[in-house]
């Protein structure tokens, strides 16, 4: 079963609550993007099914998943700009319910076969090993790229993104 898109009302309610909890006002610039930062951040779910979205969200909320990755060619085929550090996003569960506000911490593009072990571990999936990451992501990326007319290659560019949950579990300040 595919994920469900969140309703506009649910997104607006979640964003209003997140702004209140984080002490942000509607007119305060967020993420270094000027007044556009006060707009509701984009919303999405990880994975390609409701079950995967729920599983990966649980890892995020447990603090085990603090990174993600995707094929650069998918971003290009969709005509989307890569995420930038400081950008906010609303992470939804498989039913489309907004569940977490995340902030992009770092973005890097590297060849698939050069993804570092610490990134694989930060994705929090499976046993956290680089071997598991490569196996699972090669299969997933192969499926995704087939939909955009591309084929997997070990040296293909991959977008590595690190993020932090800022709501509902704000990161503690040290």
N, C-alpha and C. Protein backbone atom coordinates (compact mmCIF):
# COMPACT_ATOMS: atom_id res chain seq x y z
N UNK A 1 0.84 -1.17 0.00
CA UNK A 1 0.00 0.00 0.00
C UNK A 1 0.89 1.25 0.00
N UNK A 2 0.55 2.22 -0.87
CA UNK A 2 1.31 3.46 -0.95
C UNK A 2 0.96 4.38 0.21
N UNK A 3 1.83 5.35 0.43
CA UNK A 3 1.57 6.32 1.48
C UNK A 3 0.45 7.27 1.05
N UNK A 4 -0.21 7.87 2.01
CA UNK A 4 -1.29 8.81 1.76
C UNK A 4 -0.74 10.22 1.93
N UNK A 5 -1.11 11.11 1.05
CA UNK A 5 -0.68 12.51 1.17
C UNK A 5 -1.38 13.15 2.36
N UNK A 6 -0.66 13.98 3.11
CA UNK A 6 -1.29 14.64 4.26
C UNK A 6 -2.30 15.68 3.80
N UNK A 7 -3.32 15.91 4.62
CA UNK A 7 -4.30 16.95 4.30
C UNK A 7 -3.70 18.31 4.62
N UNK A 8 -4.16 19.33 3.90
CA UNK A 8 -3.69 20.69 4.16
C UNK A 8 -3.98 21.11 5.59
N UNK A 9 -5.16 20.73 6.10
CA UNK A 9 -5.53 21.10 7.47
C UNK A 9 -4.58 20.46 8.48
N UNK A 10 -4.26 19.19 8.29
CA UNK A 10 -3.35 18.50 9.21
C UNK A 10 -1.97 19.13 9.19
N UNK A 11 -1.49 19.49 8.00
CA UNK A 11 -0.18 20.15 7.89
C UNK A 11 -0.18 21.50 8.58
N UNK A 12 -1.20 22.29 8.33
CA UNK A 12 -1.27 23.62 8.94
C UNK A 12 -1.35 23.53 10.46
N UNK A 13 -2.13 22.60 10.98
CA UNK A 13 -2.24 22.42 12.42
C UNK A 13 -0.89 22.01 13.01
N UNK A 14 -0.23 21.03 12.38
CA UNK A 14 1.07 20.57 12.87
C UNK A 14 2.08 21.71 12.84
N UNK A 15 2.13 22.46 11.75
CA UNK A 15 3.09 23.54 11.61
C UNK A 15 2.82 24.64 12.63
N UNK A 16 1.54 24.97 12.86
CA UNK A 16 1.20 25.98 13.87
C UNK A 16 1.67 25.53 15.25
N UNK A 17 1.45 24.26 15.58
CA UNK A 17 1.88 23.72 16.87
C UNK A 17 3.41 23.72 16.99
N UNK A 18 4.09 23.30 15.93
CA UNK A 18 5.55 23.28 15.95
C UNK A 18 6.12 24.68 16.13
N UNK A 19 5.55 25.66 15.43
CA UNK A 19 6.01 27.05 15.58
C UNK A 19 5.83 27.52 17.02
N UNK A 20 4.69 27.18 17.62
CA UNK A 20 4.41 27.60 19.00
C UNK A 20 5.41 26.95 19.97
N UNK A 21 5.61 25.65 19.84
CA UNK A 21 6.53 24.91 20.72
C UNK A 21 7.96 25.43 20.58
N UNK A 22 8.35 25.76 19.35
CA UNK A 22 9.72 26.21 19.10
C UNK A 22 9.90 27.71 19.30
N UNK A 23 8.81 28.43 19.61
CA UNK A 23 8.91 29.86 19.86
C UNK A 23 9.11 30.67 18.60
N UNK A 24 8.61 30.18 17.48
CA UNK A 24 8.73 30.90 16.21
C UNK A 24 7.45 31.64 15.91
N UNK A 25 7.56 32.79 15.26
CA UNK A 25 6.37 33.51 14.84
C UNK A 25 6.21 33.32 13.34
N UNK A 26 5.03 33.63 12.85
CA UNK A 26 4.77 33.47 11.42
C UNK A 26 5.68 34.33 10.56
N UNK A 27 6.10 35.48 11.06
CA UNK A 27 6.89 36.38 10.23
C UNK A 27 8.39 36.22 10.44
N UNK A 28 8.78 35.41 11.41
CA UNK A 28 10.21 35.22 11.67
C UNK A 28 10.82 34.34 10.60
N UNK A 29 11.94 34.79 9.97
CA UNK A 29 12.58 33.95 8.97
C UNK A 29 13.11 32.66 9.60
N UNK A 30 12.94 31.56 8.89
CA UNK A 30 13.37 30.25 9.38
C UNK A 30 14.30 29.62 8.36
N UNK A 31 15.40 29.07 8.85
CA UNK A 31 16.28 28.31 7.96
C UNK A 31 17.03 29.16 6.96
N UNK A 32 17.15 30.46 7.21
CA UNK A 32 17.95 31.30 6.34
C UNK A 32 17.33 31.53 4.97
N UNK A 33 16.02 31.40 4.85
CA UNK A 33 15.40 31.59 3.54
C UNK A 33 14.50 32.82 3.51
N UNK A 34 14.70 33.76 4.41
CA UNK A 34 13.91 34.98 4.42
C UNK A 34 12.46 34.75 4.80
N UNK A 35 11.58 35.63 4.33
CA UNK A 35 10.18 35.53 4.72
C UNK A 35 9.51 34.27 4.19
N UNK A 36 10.04 33.68 3.12
CA UNK A 36 9.47 32.43 2.61
C UNK A 36 9.59 31.31 3.65
N UNK A 37 10.51 31.47 4.60
CA UNK A 37 10.69 30.45 5.64
C UNK A 37 9.51 30.34 6.57
N UNK A 38 8.65 31.34 6.60
CA UNK A 38 7.49 31.26 7.47
C UNK A 38 6.37 30.42 6.85
N UNK A 39 6.52 30.02 5.60
CA UNK A 39 5.54 29.17 4.95
C UNK A 39 5.66 27.75 5.48
N UNK A 40 4.59 26.99 5.36
CA UNK A 40 4.60 25.60 5.81
C UNK A 40 5.68 24.84 5.04
N UNK A 41 6.59 24.14 5.75
CA UNK A 41 7.64 23.38 5.08
C UNK A 41 7.04 22.24 4.25
N UNK A 42 7.80 21.73 3.29
CA UNK A 42 7.31 20.58 2.52
C UNK A 42 7.13 19.37 3.42
N UNK A 43 6.20 18.49 3.03
CA UNK A 43 5.91 17.29 3.81
C UNK A 43 6.09 16.06 2.94
N UNK A 44 6.56 14.98 3.54
CA UNK A 44 6.76 13.73 2.83
C UNK A 44 6.89 12.59 3.82
N UNK A 45 6.94 11.38 3.29
CA UNK A 45 7.20 10.18 4.08
C UNK A 45 8.42 9.50 3.50
N UNK A 46 9.20 8.84 4.33
CA UNK A 46 10.31 8.03 3.83
C UNK A 46 9.76 6.75 3.22
N UNK A 47 10.46 6.22 2.22
CA UNK A 47 10.10 4.92 1.65
C UNK A 47 9.04 5.02 0.57
N UNK A 48 8.61 3.86 0.10
CA UNK A 48 7.65 3.81 -1.01
C UNK A 48 6.37 3.06 -0.66
N UNK A 49 6.15 2.83 0.62
CA UNK A 49 4.91 2.18 1.07
C UNK A 49 4.56 2.71 2.45
N UNK A 50 3.29 2.53 2.82
CA UNK A 50 2.85 2.97 4.14
C UNK A 50 3.60 2.24 5.24
N UNK A 51 3.84 0.96 5.03
CA UNK A 51 4.56 0.16 6.03
C UNK A 51 5.99 0.66 6.20
N UNK A 52 6.67 0.93 5.07
CA UNK A 52 8.05 1.41 5.16
C UNK A 52 8.09 2.80 5.79
N UNK A 53 7.13 3.65 5.44
CA UNK A 53 7.07 4.99 6.02
C UNK A 53 6.94 4.92 7.54
N UNK A 54 6.07 4.04 8.02
CA UNK A 54 5.88 3.89 9.47
C UNK A 54 7.13 3.33 10.14
N UNK A 55 7.76 2.35 9.51
CA UNK A 55 8.97 1.74 10.07
C UNK A 55 10.10 2.75 10.16
N UNK A 56 10.31 3.53 9.10
CA UNK A 56 11.41 4.50 9.10
C UNK A 56 11.10 5.68 10.02
N UNK A 57 9.84 6.10 10.09
CA UNK A 57 9.46 7.15 11.03
C UNK A 57 9.75 6.72 12.46
N UNK A 58 9.44 5.47 12.80
CA UNK A 58 9.70 4.97 14.16
C UNK A 58 11.19 5.06 14.48
N UNK A 59 12.04 4.77 13.50
CA UNK A 59 13.49 4.88 13.71
C UNK A 59 13.89 6.34 13.94
N UNK A 60 13.27 7.26 13.20
CA UNK A 60 13.56 8.69 13.38
C UNK A 60 13.14 9.13 14.78
N UNK A 61 11.93 8.80 15.18
CA UNK A 61 11.42 9.24 16.48
C UNK A 61 12.18 8.62 17.64
N UNK A 62 12.75 7.43 17.42
CA UNK A 62 13.55 6.78 18.45
C UNK A 62 14.98 7.34 18.50
N UNK A 63 15.32 8.21 17.55
CA UNK A 63 16.66 8.79 17.51
C UNK A 63 17.69 7.91 16.83
N UNK A 64 17.26 6.82 16.26
CA UNK A 64 18.19 5.89 15.61
C UNK A 64 18.50 6.30 14.17
N UNK A 65 17.55 6.91 13.49
CA UNK A 65 17.74 7.33 12.10
C UNK A 65 17.91 8.84 12.07
N UNK A 66 19.11 9.29 11.68
CA UNK A 66 19.42 10.71 11.60
C UNK A 66 19.99 11.08 10.23
N UNK A 67 19.80 10.18 9.27
CA UNK A 67 20.31 10.41 7.92
C UNK A 67 19.45 9.66 6.92
N UNK A 68 19.55 10.09 5.68
CA UNK A 68 18.87 9.41 4.58
C UNK A 68 19.70 9.59 3.33
N UNK A 69 19.36 8.85 2.30
CA UNK A 69 20.08 8.95 1.04
C UNK A 69 19.14 8.65 -0.12
N UNK A 70 19.51 9.16 -1.28
CA UNK A 70 18.71 8.96 -2.48
C UNK A 70 19.60 9.16 -3.70
N UNK A 71 19.13 8.68 -4.82
CA UNK A 71 19.88 8.83 -6.07
C UNK A 71 19.76 10.27 -6.57
N UNK A 72 20.88 10.87 -6.92
CA UNK A 72 20.87 12.22 -7.49
C UNK A 72 20.02 12.23 -8.76
N UNK A 73 20.09 11.17 -9.54
CA UNK A 73 19.35 11.12 -10.80
C UNK A 73 17.84 11.19 -10.57
N UNK A 74 17.37 10.72 -9.44
CA UNK A 74 15.94 10.83 -9.12
C UNK A 74 15.57 12.30 -8.90
N UNK A 75 16.40 13.03 -8.17
CA UNK A 75 16.17 14.45 -7.94
C UNK A 75 16.14 15.19 -9.28
N UNK A 76 17.10 14.88 -10.14
CA UNK A 76 17.18 15.54 -11.44
C UNK A 76 15.95 15.21 -12.30
N UNK A 77 15.53 13.96 -12.31
CA UNK A 77 14.37 13.56 -13.11
C UNK A 77 13.10 14.25 -12.64
N UNK A 78 13.01 14.49 -11.32
CA UNK A 78 11.83 15.17 -10.75
C UNK A 78 11.94 16.69 -10.86
N UNK A 79 13.10 17.19 -11.30
CA UNK A 79 13.31 18.63 -11.41
C UNK A 79 13.34 19.34 -10.08
N UNK A 80 13.75 18.63 -9.04
CA UNK A 80 13.77 19.20 -7.69
C UNK A 80 15.18 19.63 -7.29
N UNK A 81 15.24 20.72 -6.55
CA UNK A 81 16.52 21.17 -5.98
C UNK A 81 16.87 20.27 -4.80
N UNK A 82 18.15 20.07 -4.58
CA UNK A 82 18.60 19.27 -3.44
C UNK A 82 18.29 20.02 -2.15
N UNK A 83 18.09 19.26 -1.06
CA UNK A 83 17.88 19.92 0.23
C UNK A 83 19.12 20.72 0.61
N UNK A 84 18.93 21.74 1.43
CA UNK A 84 20.04 22.58 1.88
C UNK A 84 20.07 22.58 3.40
N UNK A 85 21.26 22.71 3.97
CA UNK A 85 21.36 22.80 5.43
C UNK A 85 20.48 23.94 5.96
N UNK A 86 19.77 23.65 7.03
CA UNK A 86 18.86 24.62 7.64
C UNK A 86 17.42 24.48 7.17
N UNK A 87 17.20 23.77 6.07
CA UNK A 87 15.84 23.61 5.55
C UNK A 87 15.02 22.73 6.49
N UNK A 88 13.75 23.08 6.62
CA UNK A 88 12.84 22.32 7.45
C UNK A 88 11.95 21.44 6.57
N UNK A 89 11.50 20.32 7.13
CA UNK A 89 10.57 19.44 6.45
C UNK A 89 9.68 18.76 7.46
N UNK A 90 8.48 18.43 7.04
CA UNK A 90 7.53 17.73 7.91
C UNK A 90 7.50 16.27 7.48
N UNK A 91 7.86 15.41 8.41
CA UNK A 91 7.89 13.97 8.15
C UNK A 91 6.56 13.37 8.56
N UNK A 92 5.95 12.63 7.63
CA UNK A 92 4.63 12.04 7.87
C UNK A 92 4.72 10.53 8.01
N UNK A 93 3.71 9.95 8.65
CA UNK A 93 3.63 8.50 8.72
C UNK A 93 2.97 7.97 7.44
N UNK A 94 2.78 6.68 7.37
CA UNK A 94 2.24 6.06 6.16
C UNK A 94 0.81 6.45 5.84
N UNK A 95 0.08 6.96 6.84
CA UNK A 95 -1.30 7.39 6.59
C UNK A 95 -1.37 8.87 6.24
N UNK A 96 -0.20 9.54 6.17
CA UNK A 96 -0.16 10.96 5.83
C UNK A 96 -0.26 11.89 7.01
N UNK A 97 -0.23 11.35 8.21
CA UNK A 97 -0.30 12.17 9.42
C UNK A 97 1.05 12.81 9.71
N UNK A 98 1.14 14.16 9.81
CA UNK A 98 2.41 14.81 10.16
C UNK A 98 2.86 14.37 11.55
N UNK A 99 4.12 13.95 11.67
CA UNK A 99 4.59 13.41 12.95
C UNK A 99 5.87 14.06 13.47
N UNK A 100 6.69 14.65 12.60
CA UNK A 100 7.94 15.23 13.09
C UNK A 100 8.38 16.36 12.16
N UNK A 101 8.92 17.39 12.77
CA UNK A 101 9.56 18.47 12.02
C UNK A 101 11.05 18.19 12.08
N UNK A 102 11.67 18.11 10.91
CA UNK A 102 13.11 17.86 10.87
C UNK A 102 13.82 19.03 10.19
N UNK A 103 15.10 19.20 10.56
CA UNK A 103 15.93 20.24 9.97
C UNK A 103 17.14 19.56 9.32
N UNK A 104 17.38 19.88 8.06
CA UNK A 104 18.54 19.35 7.36
C UNK A 104 19.80 19.95 7.97
N UNK A 105 20.73 19.09 8.35
CA UNK A 105 21.99 19.52 8.96
C UNK A 105 23.13 19.58 7.95
N UNK A 106 23.18 18.61 7.02
CA UNK A 106 24.26 18.55 6.04
C UNK A 106 23.79 17.77 4.82
N UNK A 107 24.32 18.15 3.66
CA UNK A 107 24.02 17.47 2.40
C UNK A 107 25.33 17.29 1.65
N UNK A 108 25.51 16.10 1.10
CA UNK A 108 26.73 15.79 0.36
C UNK A 108 26.36 14.84 -0.78
N UNK A 109 27.00 14.99 -1.92
CA UNK A 109 26.80 14.07 -3.04
C UNK A 109 28.10 13.29 -3.23
N UNK A 110 27.99 11.96 -3.17
CA UNK A 110 29.15 11.09 -3.32
C UNK A 110 28.77 9.89 -4.20
N UNK A 111 29.75 9.22 -4.79
CA UNK A 111 29.44 7.99 -5.53
C UNK A 111 28.89 6.93 -4.58
N UNK A 112 27.96 6.13 -5.07
CA UNK A 112 27.34 5.08 -4.26
C UNK A 112 28.40 4.23 -3.57
N UNK A 113 29.43 3.82 -4.30
CA UNK A 113 30.44 2.93 -3.73
C UNK A 113 31.42 3.64 -2.80
N UNK A 114 31.20 4.92 -2.55
CA UNK A 114 32.06 5.67 -1.61
C UNK A 114 31.28 6.21 -0.41
N UNK A 115 30.05 5.74 -0.24
CA UNK A 115 29.28 6.15 0.93
C UNK A 115 30.01 5.63 2.17
N UNK A 116 30.28 6.49 3.14
CA UNK A 116 31.02 6.06 4.32
C UNK A 116 30.19 5.23 5.31
N UNK A 117 30.85 4.41 6.05
CA UNK A 117 30.20 3.53 7.02
C UNK A 117 29.42 4.32 8.07
N UNK A 118 29.93 5.50 8.46
CA UNK A 118 29.20 6.27 9.48
C UNK A 118 27.86 6.79 8.95
N UNK A 119 27.78 7.04 7.65
CA UNK A 119 26.49 7.44 7.09
C UNK A 119 25.52 6.26 7.10
N UNK A 120 25.99 5.10 6.69
CA UNK A 120 25.14 3.90 6.70
C UNK A 120 24.60 3.66 8.12
N UNK A 121 25.45 3.80 9.11
CA UNK A 121 25.02 3.61 10.50
C UNK A 121 23.99 4.66 10.90
N UNK A 122 24.18 5.91 10.46
CA UNK A 122 23.26 7.00 10.81
C UNK A 122 21.88 6.82 10.17
N UNK A 123 21.80 6.02 9.12
CA UNK A 123 20.48 5.75 8.53
C UNK A 123 19.66 4.84 9.42
N UNK A 124 20.31 4.12 10.33
CA UNK A 124 19.60 3.37 11.37
C UNK A 124 18.85 2.14 10.94
N UNK A 125 19.06 1.68 9.73
CA UNK A 125 18.29 0.54 9.23
C UNK A 125 19.08 -0.76 9.34
N UNK A 126 18.35 -1.86 9.47
CA UNK A 126 19.00 -3.18 9.55
C UNK A 126 19.97 -3.23 10.70
N UNK A 127 21.14 -3.80 10.45
CA UNK A 127 22.15 -3.91 11.50
C UNK A 127 23.08 -2.70 11.54
N UNK A 128 22.80 -1.71 10.70
CA UNK A 128 23.60 -0.49 10.69
C UNK A 128 24.91 -0.59 9.95
N UNK A 129 25.18 -1.74 9.36
CA UNK A 129 26.46 -1.92 8.67
C UNK A 129 26.43 -1.33 7.26
N UNK A 130 27.60 -1.02 6.74
CA UNK A 130 27.73 -0.53 5.38
C UNK A 130 27.29 -1.61 4.39
N UNK A 131 27.58 -2.85 4.69
CA UNK A 131 27.18 -3.95 3.81
C UNK A 131 25.66 -4.02 3.67
N UNK A 132 24.96 -3.93 4.81
CA UNK A 132 23.49 -3.94 4.77
C UNK A 132 22.98 -2.74 3.99
N UNK A 133 23.55 -1.57 4.26
CA UNK A 133 23.13 -0.36 3.56
C UNK A 133 23.28 -0.53 2.06
N UNK A 134 24.44 -0.99 1.62
CA UNK A 134 24.68 -1.16 0.17
C UNK A 134 23.69 -2.12 -0.45
N UNK A 135 23.45 -3.24 0.18
CA UNK A 135 22.54 -4.24 -0.37
C UNK A 135 21.11 -3.69 -0.46
N UNK A 136 20.63 -3.13 0.63
CA UNK A 136 19.25 -2.61 0.66
C UNK A 136 19.07 -1.43 -0.28
N UNK A 137 20.04 -0.53 -0.30
CA UNK A 137 19.90 0.66 -1.13
C UNK A 137 20.13 0.38 -2.61
N UNK A 138 20.97 -0.57 -2.94
CA UNK A 138 21.13 -0.94 -4.35
C UNK A 138 19.81 -1.46 -4.90
N UNK A 139 19.13 -2.29 -4.13
CA UNK A 139 17.84 -2.83 -4.57
C UNK A 139 16.79 -1.72 -4.69
N UNK A 140 16.70 -0.88 -3.67
CA UNK A 140 15.72 0.20 -3.67
C UNK A 140 15.99 1.19 -4.80
N UNK A 141 17.24 1.64 -4.93
CA UNK A 141 17.59 2.62 -5.96
C UNK A 141 17.38 2.04 -7.36
N UNK A 142 17.64 0.76 -7.54
CA UNK A 142 17.40 0.12 -8.84
C UNK A 142 15.94 0.27 -9.23
N UNK A 143 15.03 0.02 -8.30
CA UNK A 143 13.59 0.17 -8.56
C UNK A 143 13.22 1.61 -8.87
N UNK A 144 13.74 2.54 -8.08
CA UNK A 144 13.42 3.95 -8.27
C UNK A 144 13.93 4.44 -9.62
N UNK A 145 15.14 4.09 -9.97
CA UNK A 145 15.73 4.57 -11.22
C UNK A 145 15.05 3.98 -12.44
N UNK A 146 14.53 2.77 -12.34
CA UNK A 146 13.82 2.16 -13.46
C UNK A 146 12.62 3.02 -13.85
N UNK A 147 12.01 3.69 -12.87
CA UNK A 147 10.85 4.53 -13.13
C UNK A 147 11.21 5.82 -13.86
N UNK A 148 12.50 6.21 -13.81
CA UNK A 148 12.93 7.44 -14.49
C UNK A 148 13.87 7.13 -15.66
N UNK A 149 13.91 5.87 -16.07
CA UNK A 149 14.68 5.49 -17.24
C UNK A 149 16.19 5.43 -17.04
N UNK A 150 16.64 5.21 -15.83
CA UNK A 150 18.07 5.12 -15.54
C UNK A 150 18.35 3.76 -14.92
N UNK A 151 19.61 3.37 -14.91
CA UNK A 151 19.99 2.10 -14.28
C UNK A 151 21.04 2.34 -13.21
N UNK A 152 20.99 1.49 -12.22
CA UNK A 152 21.93 1.56 -11.10
C UNK A 152 23.36 1.35 -11.59
N UNK A 153 24.28 2.07 -10.99
CA UNK A 153 25.72 1.88 -11.25
C UNK A 153 26.46 2.10 -9.94
N UNK A 154 27.48 1.30 -9.65
CA UNK A 154 28.19 1.44 -8.38
C UNK A 154 28.81 2.82 -8.15
N UNK A 155 29.12 3.54 -9.24
CA UNK A 155 29.74 4.86 -9.09
C UNK A 155 28.74 6.00 -9.31
N UNK A 156 27.45 5.68 -9.33
CA UNK A 156 26.44 6.72 -9.56
C UNK A 156 26.38 7.68 -8.37
N UNK A 157 26.00 8.94 -8.61
CA UNK A 157 25.94 9.91 -7.52
C UNK A 157 24.74 9.69 -6.60
N UNK A 158 25.02 9.77 -5.31
CA UNK A 158 24.00 9.58 -4.27
C UNK A 158 24.01 10.81 -3.37
N UNK A 159 22.81 11.28 -3.04
CA UNK A 159 22.65 12.43 -2.14
C UNK A 159 22.56 11.90 -0.71
N UNK A 160 23.49 12.33 0.12
CA UNK A 160 23.50 11.95 1.54
C UNK A 160 23.03 13.16 2.34
N UNK A 161 22.02 12.94 3.16
CA UNK A 161 21.46 14.03 3.96
C UNK A 161 21.46 13.63 5.43
N UNK A 162 21.96 14.52 6.28
CA UNK A 162 21.88 14.37 7.73
C UNK A 162 20.82 15.34 8.22
N UNK A 163 20.04 14.91 9.22
CA UNK A 163 18.97 15.76 9.73
C UNK A 163 18.83 15.57 11.23
N UNK A 164 18.11 16.50 11.84
CA UNK A 164 17.80 16.43 13.27
C UNK A 164 16.31 16.65 13.45
N UNK A 165 15.72 15.97 14.41
CA UNK A 165 14.32 16.20 14.76
C UNK A 165 14.27 17.42 15.66
N UNK A 166 13.45 18.40 15.28
CA UNK A 166 13.30 19.59 16.12
C UNK A 166 11.93 19.66 16.78
N UNK A 167 10.98 18.85 16.32
CA UNK A 167 9.66 18.74 16.93
C UNK A 167 9.03 17.45 16.41
N UNK A 168 8.48 16.56 17.21
CA UNK A 168 8.04 16.80 18.56
C UNK A 168 9.08 16.59 19.64
N UNK A 169 10.25 16.15 19.27
CA UNK A 169 11.29 15.95 20.28
C UNK A 169 12.45 16.89 19.97
N UNK A 170 12.38 18.14 20.44
CA UNK A 170 13.47 19.08 20.14
C UNK A 170 14.82 18.55 20.64
N UNK A 171 15.84 18.87 19.89
CA UNK A 171 17.18 18.47 20.30
C UNK A 171 17.59 19.27 21.52
N UNK A 172 18.16 18.59 22.50
CA UNK A 172 18.61 19.29 23.71
C UNK A 172 19.82 20.14 23.43
N UNK A 173 19.82 21.33 24.00
CA UNK A 173 20.98 22.23 23.88
C UNK A 173 21.98 21.87 24.96
N UNK A 174 23.25 21.88 24.62
CA UNK A 174 24.29 21.54 25.61
C UNK A 174 24.92 22.77 26.17
